[in-house]
Amino acid sequence: MNDSAYTIFMIFGFLWVFIASAAVIALFKSEGQEIRISKMGLIIVIPIILPIIITLSYAALKGTF
C-alpha cells in the first residue's frame, strides 16, 4: 500500500486547519475583540475535534500493526 498519498493528504489537512485558525484569529483581532474560549465553546469544539483525532489516529496506527 502506498502511504505517501495519505501522508500528503494529512499534511495538507493540518496546513488547512492551521491557516483557517490563523484567519479566524486575525479576523477577531482586526475588530479589536479579545480572543477567549468559554465553557460553551469547549462544549461545541470537543465533540467535533475528538472523533476526528480518534479516527485519524486509528487510521495511522492500523497500518503499523
C-alpha atoms as a PDB file:
ATOM      1  CA  MET A   1       0.000   0.000   0.000  1.00  0.00           C
ATOM      2  CA  ASN A   2       1.264   3.452  -0.896  1.00  0.00           C
ATOM      3  CA  ASP A   3       1.342   5.625   2.234  1.00  0.00           C
ATOM      4  CA  SER A   4       2.809   8.702   0.539  1.00  0.00           C
ATOM      5  CA  ALA A   5      -0.622   9.813  -0.696  1.00  0.00           C
ATOM      6  CA  TYR A   6      -2.015   9.509   2.834  1.00  0.00           C
ATOM      7  CA  THR A   7       0.938  11.486   4.209  1.00  0.00           C
ATOM      8  CA  ILE A   8       0.440  14.260   1.672  1.00  0.00           C
ATOM      9  CA  PHE A   9      -3.280  14.329   2.498  1.00  0.00           C
ATOM     10  CA  MET A  10      -2.548  14.608   6.239  1.00  0.00           C
ATOM     11  CA  ILE A  11      -0.002  17.402   5.743  1.00  0.00           C
ATOM     12  CA  PHE A  12      -2.451  19.302   3.542  1.00  0.00           C
ATOM     13  CA  GLY A  13      -5.198  18.817   6.144  1.00  0.00           C
ATOM     14  CA  PHE A  14      -3.057  20.094   9.010  1.00  0.00           C
ATOM     15  CA  LEU A  15      -1.929  23.050   6.899  1.00  0.00           C
ATOM     16  CA  TRP A  16      -5.552  23.857   6.042  1.00  0.00           C
ATOM     17  CA  VAL A  17      -6.621  23.748   9.702  1.00  0.00           C
ATOM     18  CA  PHE A  18      -3.681  25.947  10.703  1.00  0.00           C
ATOM     19  CA  ILE A  19      -4.440  28.545   8.018  1.00  0.00           C
ATOM     20  CA  ALA A  20      -8.154  28.577   8.922  1.00  0.00           C
ATOM     21  CA  SER A  21      -7.346  29.040  12.616  1.00  0.00           C
ATOM     22  CA  ALA A  22      -4.957  31.884  11.831  1.00  0.00           C
ATOM     23  CA  ALA A  23      -7.606  33.542   9.647  1.00  0.00           C
ATOM     24  CA  VAL A  24     -10.234  33.390  12.405  1.00  0.00           C
ATOM     25  CA  ILE A  25      -7.799  34.820  14.951  1.00  0.00           C
ATOM     26  CA  ALA A  26      -6.792  37.594  12.531  1.00  0.00           C
ATOM     27  CA  LEU A  27     -10.456  38.395  11.906  1.00  0.00           C
ATOM     28  CA  PHE A  28     -11.189  38.703  15.626  1.00  0.00           C
ATOM     29  CA  LYS A  29      -8.057  40.761  16.251  1.00  0.00           C
ATOM     30  CA  SER A  30      -8.888  43.156  13.404  1.00  0.00           C
ATOM     31  CA  GLU A  31     -12.176  44.037  15.091  1.00  0.00           C
ATOM     32  CA  GLY A  32     -10.479  44.696  18.429  1.00  0.00           C
ATOM     33  CA  GLN A  33     -12.050  41.742  20.215  1.00  0.00           C
ATOM     34  CA  GLU A  34     -10.026  39.730  22.674  1.00  0.00           C
ATOM     35  CA  ILE A  35      -9.548  36.026  21.970  1.00  0.00           C
ATOM     36  CA  ARG A  36     -11.014  33.799  24.676  1.00  0.00           C
ATOM     37  CA  ILE A  37     -12.607  30.369  24.796  1.00  0.00           C
ATOM     38  CA  SER A  38     -15.587  29.940  27.084  1.00  0.00           C
ATOM     39  CA  LYS A  39     -17.065  26.755  28.520  1.00  0.00           C
ATOM     40  CA  MET A  40     -19.737  26.761  25.815  1.00  0.00           C
ATOM     41  CA  GLY A  41     -17.016  26.941  23.169  1.00  0.00           C
ATOM     42  CA  LEU A  42     -15.355  23.849  24.618  1.00  0.00           C
ATOM     43  CA  ILE A  43     -18.686  22.007  24.685  1.00  0.00           C
ATOM     44  CA  ILE A  44     -19.008  22.692  20.962  1.00  0.00           C
ATOM     45  CA  VAL A  45     -15.376  22.094  19.945  1.00  0.00           C
ATOM     46  CA  ILE A  46     -14.582  18.896  21.873  1.00  0.00           C
ATOM     47  CA  PRO A  47     -17.272  16.672  20.252  1.00  0.00           C
ATOM     48  CA  ILE A  48     -16.154  17.881  16.820  1.00  0.00           C
ATOM     49  CA  ILE A  49     -12.382  17.559  17.245  1.00  0.00           C
ATOM     50  CA  LEU A  50     -12.190  14.423  19.417  1.00  0.00           C
ATOM     51  CA  PRO A  51     -13.760  11.980  16.890  1.00  0.00           C
ATOM     52  CA  ILE A  52     -11.567  13.397  14.119  1.00  0.00           C
ATOM     53  CA  ILE A  53      -8.419  12.833  16.186  1.00  0.00           C
ATOM     54  CA  ILE A  54      -9.500   9.313  17.186  1.00  0.00           C
ATOM     55  CA  THR A  55     -10.358   8.367  13.602  1.00  0.00           C
ATOM     56  CA  LEU A  56      -7.121   9.706  12.145  1.00  0.00           C
ATOM     57  CA  SER A  57      -5.067   8.064  14.898  1.00  0.00           C
ATOM     58  CA  TYR A  58      -6.770   4.723  14.259  1.00  0.00           C
ATOM     59  CA  ALA A  59      -6.143   5.016  10.521  1.00  0.00           C
ATOM     60  CA  ALA A  60      -2.487   5.901  11.099  1.00  0.00           C
ATOM     61  CA  LEU A  61      -1.897   3.054  13.581  1.00  0.00           C
ATOM     62  CA  LYS A  62      -3.934   0.458  11.693  1.00  0.00           C
ATOM     63  CA  GLY A  63      -1.239   0.078   9.071  1.00  0.00           C
ATOM     64  CA  THR A  64       1.580  -0.322  11.589  1.00  0.00           C
ATOM     65  CA  PHE A  65       0.250  -3.415  13.380  1.00  0.00           C
END
